[in-house]
Amino acid sequence: MKTINDVRIIEIPKIKDPRGNLSVIEKEVVPFEMKRVYYLYDVPSGSSRGGHAHIEQKEFLIALSGSFDVMLDDGENKKVVSLNRPDRGLLIVDGIWRELNNFSAGSVCLVVSSDVFLEEDYIRDYKKFLEF
């Protein structure tokens, strides 16, 4: 069984340049094969995203712009991780409930996923998550 201790921040290589920095996400950075990339933006003030866990899928979240909080829950323990740097990402393993909130104005959350969208991989009911 996975716990919130299996969730971790991963540094993304940053190439510094006076003209602007460049960060690259390649297969050595993310510890799974990337199969889907999507992003959240224009999240209204006070709104939350997420509110689910995955049975098998892993995700890597990055605050490309602005900031937001990720509440993580393994059914016994909870913790909040704030993301606000585009050169750091949060690896969320399978079996962890997540809720994203406190989005700053103009924030963009990039999500790199280990699989394509599969509704059957989602646990969207918190009570069912606790039973899982």
N, C-alpha and C. Protein backbone atom coordinates (compact mmCIF):
# COMPACT_ATOMS: atom_id res chain seq x y z
N MET A 1 0.84 -1.18 0.00
CA MET A 1 0.00 0.00 0.00
C MET A 1 0.88 1.24 0.00
N LYS A 2 0.54 2.20 -0.82
CA LYS A 2 1.30 3.43 -0.92
C LYS A 2 0.85 4.41 0.17
N THR A 3 1.78 5.26 0.59
CA THR A 3 1.47 6.29 1.59
C THR A 3 1.93 7.65 1.06
N ILE A 4 1.57 8.69 1.79
CA ILE A 4 2.00 10.03 1.37
C ILE A 4 3.52 10.17 1.41
N ASN A 5 4.20 9.25 2.12
CA ASN A 5 5.67 9.29 2.12
C ASN A 5 6.26 8.86 0.79
N ASP A 6 5.44 8.22 -0.07
CA ASP A 6 5.91 7.83 -1.40
C ASP A 6 5.79 8.98 -2.40
N VAL A 7 5.10 10.04 -2.02
CA VAL A 7 4.97 11.23 -2.84
C VAL A 7 6.22 12.08 -2.62
N ARG A 8 6.77 12.65 -3.70
CA ARG A 8 7.99 13.42 -3.51
C ARG A 8 8.15 14.52 -4.55
N ILE A 9 8.92 15.51 -4.15
CA ILE A 9 9.30 16.60 -5.06
C ILE A 9 10.51 16.14 -5.87
N ILE A 10 10.46 16.42 -7.16
CA ILE A 10 11.58 16.10 -8.05
C ILE A 10 12.05 17.40 -8.70
N GLU A 11 13.34 17.64 -8.62
CA GLU A 11 13.94 18.81 -9.27
C GLU A 11 13.99 18.57 -10.78
N ILE A 12 13.58 19.56 -11.53
CA ILE A 12 13.63 19.50 -12.99
C ILE A 12 14.87 20.29 -13.42
N PRO A 13 15.71 19.70 -14.26
CA PRO A 13 16.92 20.41 -14.68
C PRO A 13 16.58 21.80 -15.23
N LYS A 14 17.38 22.79 -14.80
CA LYS A 14 17.18 24.16 -15.25
C LYS A 14 18.46 24.66 -15.89
N ILE A 15 18.34 25.13 -17.12
CA ILE A 15 19.46 25.70 -17.84
C ILE A 15 19.31 27.21 -17.73
N LYS A 16 20.22 27.83 -16.98
CA LYS A 16 20.15 29.28 -16.75
C LYS A 16 20.77 30.02 -17.92
N ASP A 17 20.10 31.09 -18.31
CA ASP A 17 20.56 31.90 -19.42
C ASP A 17 20.06 33.32 -19.18
N PRO A 18 20.87 34.34 -19.44
CA PRO A 18 20.42 35.71 -19.23
C PRO A 18 19.18 36.06 -20.07
N ARG A 19 18.95 35.32 -21.14
CA ARG A 19 17.78 35.57 -21.99
C ARG A 19 16.52 34.90 -21.46
N GLY A 20 16.67 34.10 -20.40
CA GLY A 20 15.54 33.35 -19.83
C GLY A 20 15.94 31.91 -19.59
N ASN A 21 15.39 31.33 -18.55
CA ASN A 21 15.73 29.95 -18.18
C ASN A 21 14.95 28.94 -19.03
N LEU A 22 15.51 27.74 -19.10
CA LEU A 22 14.90 26.64 -19.84
C LEU A 22 14.92 25.41 -18.95
N SER A 23 13.78 24.75 -18.81
CA SER A 23 13.72 23.48 -18.09
C SER A 23 13.21 22.42 -19.04
N VAL A 24 13.75 21.22 -18.90
CA VAL A 24 13.44 20.12 -19.80
C VAL A 24 12.98 18.92 -19.00
N ILE A 25 11.86 18.33 -19.42
CA ILE A 25 11.38 17.09 -18.80
C ILE A 25 11.59 15.97 -19.81
N GLU A 26 12.55 15.12 -19.51
CA GLU A 26 12.81 13.96 -20.35
C GLU A 26 12.61 12.71 -19.51
N LYS A 27 12.76 11.55 -20.15
CA LYS A 27 12.45 10.30 -19.46
C LYS A 27 13.28 10.07 -18.21
N GLU A 28 14.43 10.71 -18.08
CA GLU A 28 15.25 10.53 -16.88
C GLU A 28 14.70 11.30 -15.68
N VAL A 29 13.88 12.31 -15.93
CA VAL A 29 13.33 13.16 -14.85
C VAL A 29 12.12 12.50 -14.20
N VAL A 30 11.21 12.02 -15.02
CA VAL A 30 9.97 11.43 -14.52
C VAL A 30 10.14 9.91 -14.48
N PRO A 31 9.89 9.29 -13.31
CA PRO A 31 10.15 7.86 -13.16
C PRO A 31 9.04 6.95 -13.71
N PHE A 32 8.44 7.34 -14.81
CA PHE A 32 7.48 6.47 -15.49
C PHE A 32 7.41 6.90 -16.95
N GLU A 33 6.87 6.03 -17.78
CA GLU A 33 6.70 6.36 -19.19
C GLU A 33 5.55 7.36 -19.31
N MET A 34 5.81 8.49 -19.93
CA MET A 34 4.80 9.54 -20.08
C MET A 34 3.85 9.17 -21.23
N LYS A 35 2.54 9.15 -20.91
CA LYS A 35 1.57 8.81 -21.95
C LYS A 35 0.53 9.90 -22.18
N ARG A 36 0.46 10.87 -21.26
CA ARG A 36 -0.52 11.94 -21.43
C ARG A 36 -0.01 13.18 -20.72
N VAL A 37 -0.26 14.34 -21.33
CA VAL A 37 0.08 15.62 -20.73
C VAL A 37 -1.15 16.51 -20.86
N TYR A 38 -1.53 17.15 -19.74
CA TYR A 38 -2.62 18.12 -19.79
C TYR A 38 -2.32 19.23 -18.81
N TYR A 39 -3.07 20.32 -18.88
CA TYR A 39 -2.82 21.43 -17.97
C TYR A 39 -4.11 22.09 -17.55
N LEU A 40 -4.08 22.62 -16.33
CA LEU A 40 -5.20 23.35 -15.74
C LEU A 40 -4.84 24.82 -15.72
N TYR A 41 -5.79 25.67 -16.11
CA TYR A 41 -5.54 27.11 -16.11
C TYR A 41 -6.88 27.82 -16.01
N ASP A 42 -6.83 29.11 -15.73
CA ASP A 42 -8.04 29.92 -15.54
C ASP A 42 -8.95 29.33 -14.47
N VAL A 43 -8.35 28.75 -13.42
CA VAL A 43 -9.14 28.18 -12.32
C VAL A 43 -9.69 29.35 -11.51
N PRO A 44 -11.01 29.45 -11.37
CA PRO A 44 -11.59 30.58 -10.63
C PRO A 44 -11.15 30.60 -9.17
N SER A 45 -11.04 31.79 -8.63
CA SER A 45 -10.65 31.96 -7.23
C SER A 45 -11.58 31.16 -6.32
N GLY A 46 -11.00 30.43 -5.38
CA GLY A 46 -11.77 29.65 -4.43
C GLY A 46 -12.17 28.26 -4.94
N SER A 47 -11.86 27.95 -6.19
CA SER A 47 -12.21 26.64 -6.74
C SER A 47 -11.14 25.61 -6.42
N SER A 48 -11.54 24.34 -6.45
CA SER A 48 -10.58 23.25 -6.31
C SER A 48 -10.70 22.32 -7.49
N ARG A 49 -9.61 21.59 -7.72
CA ARG A 49 -9.56 20.58 -8.77
C ARG A 49 -9.10 19.28 -8.12
N GLY A 50 -9.08 18.24 -8.90
CA GLY A 50 -8.69 16.94 -8.34
C GLY A 50 -9.89 16.31 -7.64
N GLY A 51 -9.71 16.00 -6.38
CA GLY A 51 -10.78 15.33 -5.64
C GLY A 51 -10.94 13.89 -6.09
N HIS A 52 -9.81 13.20 -6.25
CA HIS A 52 -9.83 11.80 -6.67
C HIS A 52 -8.49 11.14 -6.36
N ALA A 53 -8.47 9.83 -6.54
CA ALA A 53 -7.24 9.04 -6.49
C ALA A 53 -7.22 8.18 -7.75
N HIS A 54 -6.06 7.64 -8.06
CA HIS A 54 -5.94 6.71 -9.17
C HIS A 54 -5.58 5.33 -8.64
N ILE A 55 -6.11 4.31 -9.29
CA ILE A 55 -5.82 2.94 -8.90
C ILE A 55 -4.41 2.56 -9.35
N GLU A 56 -4.03 2.91 -10.58
CA GLU A 56 -2.71 2.54 -11.10
C GLU A 56 -1.90 3.71 -11.63
N GLN A 57 -2.57 4.76 -12.07
CA GLN A 57 -1.90 5.87 -12.74
C GLN A 57 -1.06 6.71 -11.77
N LYS A 58 0.10 7.14 -12.26
CA LYS A 58 0.96 8.07 -11.53
C LYS A 58 0.93 9.41 -12.25
N GLU A 59 1.13 10.49 -11.49
CA GLU A 59 1.12 11.82 -12.09
C GLU A 59 2.27 12.66 -11.55
N PHE A 60 2.70 13.59 -12.38
CA PHE A 60 3.77 14.52 -12.03
C PHE A 60 3.22 15.91 -12.29
N LEU A 61 3.05 16.71 -11.22
CA LEU A 61 2.43 18.03 -11.30
C LEU A 61 3.49 19.12 -11.20
N ILE A 62 3.34 20.15 -12.03
CA ILE A 62 4.28 21.26 -12.04
C ILE A 62 3.49 22.56 -12.11
N ALA A 63 3.86 23.52 -11.27
CA ALA A 63 3.29 24.87 -11.36
C ALA A 63 4.11 25.63 -12.40
N LEU A 64 3.63 25.64 -13.63
CA LEU A 64 4.35 26.35 -14.69
C LEU A 64 4.34 27.85 -14.46
N SER A 65 3.23 28.33 -13.87
CA SER A 65 3.07 29.75 -13.57
C SER A 65 2.24 29.86 -12.31
N GLY A 66 2.54 30.84 -11.48
CA GLY A 66 1.76 31.04 -10.26
C GLY A 66 1.99 29.95 -9.25
N SER A 67 0.97 29.71 -8.43
CA SER A 67 1.11 28.72 -7.36
C SER A 67 -0.24 28.09 -7.05
N PHE A 68 -0.17 26.94 -6.38
CA PHE A 68 -1.35 26.25 -5.89
C PHE A 68 -0.89 25.23 -4.85
N ASP A 69 -1.83 24.75 -4.05
CA ASP A 69 -1.55 23.75 -3.02
C ASP A 69 -2.12 22.41 -3.45
N VAL A 70 -1.42 21.35 -3.08
CA VAL A 70 -1.90 19.99 -3.33
C VAL A 70 -2.06 19.31 -1.99
N MET A 71 -3.31 18.97 -1.64
CA MET A 71 -3.57 18.23 -0.41
C MET A 71 -3.51 16.75 -0.77
N LEU A 72 -2.66 16.02 -0.05
CA LEU A 72 -2.44 14.60 -0.30
C LEU A 72 -2.98 13.81 0.88
N ASP A 73 -3.57 12.65 0.60
CA ASP A 73 -4.21 11.85 1.64
C ASP A 73 -4.04 10.37 1.26
N ASP A 74 -3.50 9.59 2.19
CA ASP A 74 -3.36 8.15 1.94
C ASP A 74 -4.39 7.32 2.70
N GLY A 75 -5.39 7.99 3.29
CA GLY A 75 -6.42 7.31 4.06
C GLY A 75 -6.14 7.32 5.54
N GLU A 76 -4.89 7.57 5.92
CA GLU A 76 -4.50 7.66 7.33
C GLU A 76 -3.83 8.99 7.65
N ASN A 77 -3.02 9.47 6.71
CA ASN A 77 -2.27 10.70 6.92
C ASN A 77 -2.56 11.68 5.78
N LYS A 78 -2.46 12.96 6.12
CA LYS A 78 -2.65 14.01 5.13
C LYS A 78 -1.48 14.99 5.21
N LYS A 79 -1.17 15.60 4.08
CA LYS A 79 -0.20 16.69 4.07
C LYS A 79 -0.49 17.58 2.88
N VAL A 80 -0.04 18.82 2.98
CA VAL A 80 -0.23 19.80 1.91
C VAL A 80 1.14 20.18 1.37
N VAL A 81 1.26 20.16 0.05
CA VAL A 81 2.48 20.57 -0.63
C VAL A 81 2.12 21.77 -1.48
N SER A 82 2.88 22.85 -1.34
CA SER A 82 2.68 24.05 -2.16
C SER A 82 3.64 23.99 -3.34
N LEU A 83 3.08 24.19 -4.52
CA LEU A 83 3.91 24.22 -5.74
C LEU A 83 3.90 25.64 -6.27
N ASN A 84 5.10 26.16 -6.54
CA ASN A 84 5.21 27.54 -7.02
C ASN A 84 6.47 27.79 -7.84
N ARG A 85 7.14 26.72 -8.26
CA ARG A 85 8.36 26.86 -9.06
C ARG A 85 8.27 25.95 -10.28
N PRO A 86 8.56 26.48 -11.48
CA PRO A 86 8.47 25.64 -12.67
C PRO A 86 9.63 24.66 -12.83
N ASP A 87 10.61 24.70 -11.93
CA ASP A 87 11.73 23.76 -12.01
C ASP A 87 11.65 22.69 -10.92
N ARG A 88 10.45 22.52 -10.36
CA ARG A 88 10.21 21.45 -9.37
C ARG A 88 8.84 20.86 -9.65
N GLY A 89 8.74 19.55 -9.56
CA GLY A 89 7.47 18.90 -9.78
C GLY A 89 7.15 17.95 -8.64
N LEU A 90 5.89 17.63 -8.49
CA LEU A 90 5.42 16.74 -7.43
C LEU A 90 5.00 15.42 -8.05
N LEU A 91 5.70 14.35 -7.69
CA LEU A 91 5.35 13.00 -8.14
C LEU A 91 4.30 12.44 -7.20
N ILE A 92 3.11 12.15 -7.74
CA ILE A 92 2.04 11.54 -6.95
C ILE A 92 1.87 10.11 -7.45
N VAL A 93 2.12 9.17 -6.55
CA VAL A 93 2.00 7.76 -6.91
C VAL A 93 0.53 7.33 -6.87
N ASP A 94 0.28 6.15 -7.39
CA ASP A 94 -1.08 5.60 -7.38
C ASP A 94 -1.55 5.39 -5.94
N GLY A 95 -2.88 5.41 -5.76
CA GLY A 95 -3.47 5.14 -4.45
C GLY A 95 -3.48 6.32 -3.49
N ILE A 96 -3.16 7.51 -3.97
CA ILE A 96 -3.13 8.70 -3.12
C ILE A 96 -4.24 9.65 -3.56
N TRP A 97 -5.08 10.06 -2.61
CA TRP A 97 -6.13 11.05 -2.88
C TRP A 97 -5.48 12.41 -2.99
N ARG A 98 -5.93 13.22 -3.95
CA ARG A 98 -5.37 14.55 -4.11
C ARG A 98 -6.47 15.56 -4.38
N GLU A 99 -6.26 16.76 -3.82
CA GLU A 99 -7.13 17.91 -4.08
C GLU A 99 -6.22 19.10 -4.30
N LEU A 100 -6.47 19.84 -5.37
CA LEU A 100 -5.69 21.03 -5.69
C LEU A 100 -6.53 22.26 -5.39
N ASN A 101 -5.97 23.20 -4.64
CA ASN A 101 -6.71 24.42 -4.30
C ASN A 101 -5.74 25.58 -4.09
N ASN A 102 -6.31 26.71 -3.70
CA ASN A 102 -5.53 27.94 -3.47
C ASN A 102 -4.74 28.37 -4.71
N PHE A 103 -5.38 28.27 -5.87
CA PHE A 103 -4.73 28.69 -7.12
C PHE A 103 -4.56 30.20 -7.12
N SER A 104 -3.35 30.66 -7.40
CA SER A 104 -3.13 32.10 -7.55
C SER A 104 -3.63 32.54 -8.92
N ALA A 105 -3.84 33.83 -9.07
CA ALA A 105 -4.28 34.37 -10.36
C ALA A 105 -3.24 34.04 -11.42
N GLY A 106 -3.68 33.56 -12.55
CA GLY A 106 -2.78 33.26 -13.65
C GLY A 106 -2.00 31.97 -13.51
N SER A 107 -2.34 31.15 -12.54
CA SER A 107 -1.57 29.91 -12.35
C SER A 107 -1.88 28.90 -13.44
N VAL A 108 -0.87 28.09 -13.74
CA VAL A 108 -0.99 27.00 -14.70
C VAL A 108 -0.39 25.76 -14.08
N CYS A 109 -1.17 24.69 -14.01
CA CYS A 109 -0.71 23.40 -13.48
C CYS A 109 -0.56 22.43 -14.64
N LEU A 110 0.67 22.01 -14.88
CA LEU A 110 0.94 21.01 -15.91
C LEU A 110 0.94 19.64 -15.24
N VAL A 111 0.26 18.67 -15.87
CA VAL A 111 0.21 17.31 -15.35
C VAL A 111 0.75 16.36 -16.41
N VAL A 112 1.78 15.60 -16.02
CA VAL A 112 2.34 14.55 -16.86
C VAL A 112 1.87 13.24 -16.24
N SER A 113 1.23 12.40 -17.06
CA SER A 113 0.59 11.20 -16.53
C SER A 113 1.20 9.93 -17.13
N SER A 114 1.11 8.85 -16.34
CA SER A 114 1.67 7.57 -16.77
C SER A 114 0.75 6.79 -17.70
N ASP A 115 -0.48 7.30 -17.92
CA ASP A 115 -1.39 6.57 -18.79
C ASP A 115 -2.36 7.53 -19.46
N VAL A 116 -3.04 7.04 -20.46
CA VAL A 116 -4.09 7.81 -21.11
C VAL A 116 -5.28 7.87 -20.16
N PHE A 117 -6.27 8.70 -20.49
CA PHE A 117 -7.45 8.81 -19.64
C PHE A 117 -8.22 7.49 -19.64
N LEU A 118 -8.42 6.94 -18.43
CA LEU A 118 -9.22 5.74 -18.24
C LEU A 118 -10.12 5.98 -17.04
N GLU A 119 -11.40 6.19 -17.28
CA GLU A 119 -12.32 6.50 -16.18
C GLU A 119 -12.29 5.41 -15.11
N GLU A 120 -12.11 4.16 -15.51
CA GLU A 120 -12.11 3.06 -14.53
C GLU A 120 -10.90 3.10 -13.59
N ASP A 121 -9.90 3.92 -13.90
CA ASP A 121 -8.74 4.06 -13.02
C ASP A 121 -8.97 5.10 -11.92
N TYR A 122 -10.03 5.88 -12.03
CA TYR A 122 -10.32 6.94 -11.07
C TYR A 122 -11.16 6.42 -9.90
N ILE A 123 -10.83 6.87 -8.70
CA ILE A 123 -11.70 6.71 -7.53
C ILE A 123 -12.13 8.13 -7.19
N ARG A 124 -13.39 8.45 -7.46
CA ARG A 124 -13.88 9.82 -7.28
C ARG A 124 -14.70 10.00 -6.01
N ASP A 125 -15.04 8.92 -5.34
CA ASP A 125 -15.82 8.97 -4.11
C ASP A 125 -14.88 8.71 -2.93
N TYR A 126 -14.81 9.67 -2.00
CA TYR A 126 -13.85 9.57 -0.90
C TYR A 126 -14.11 8.34 -0.03
N LYS A 127 -15.38 8.01 0.20
CA LYS A 127 -15.69 6.82 1.01
C LYS A 127 -15.18 5.55 0.33
N LYS A 128 -15.32 5.47 -0.99
CA LYS A 128 -14.81 4.31 -1.72
C LYS A 128 -13.28 4.30 -1.68
N PHE A 129 -12.67 5.48 -1.72
CA PHE A 129 -11.22 5.56 -1.60
C PHE A 129 -10.75 4.96 -0.28
N LEU A 130 -11.43 5.31 0.80
CA LEU A 130 -11.06 4.78 2.12
C LEU A 130 -11.21 3.25 2.17
N GLU A 131 -12.18 2.71 1.45
CA GLU A 131 -12.37 1.26 1.40
C GLU A 131 -11.29 0.60 0.54
N PHE A 132 -10.78 1.35 -0.45
CA PHE A 132 -9.76 0.85 -1.36
C PHE A 132 -8.47 0.57 -0.59
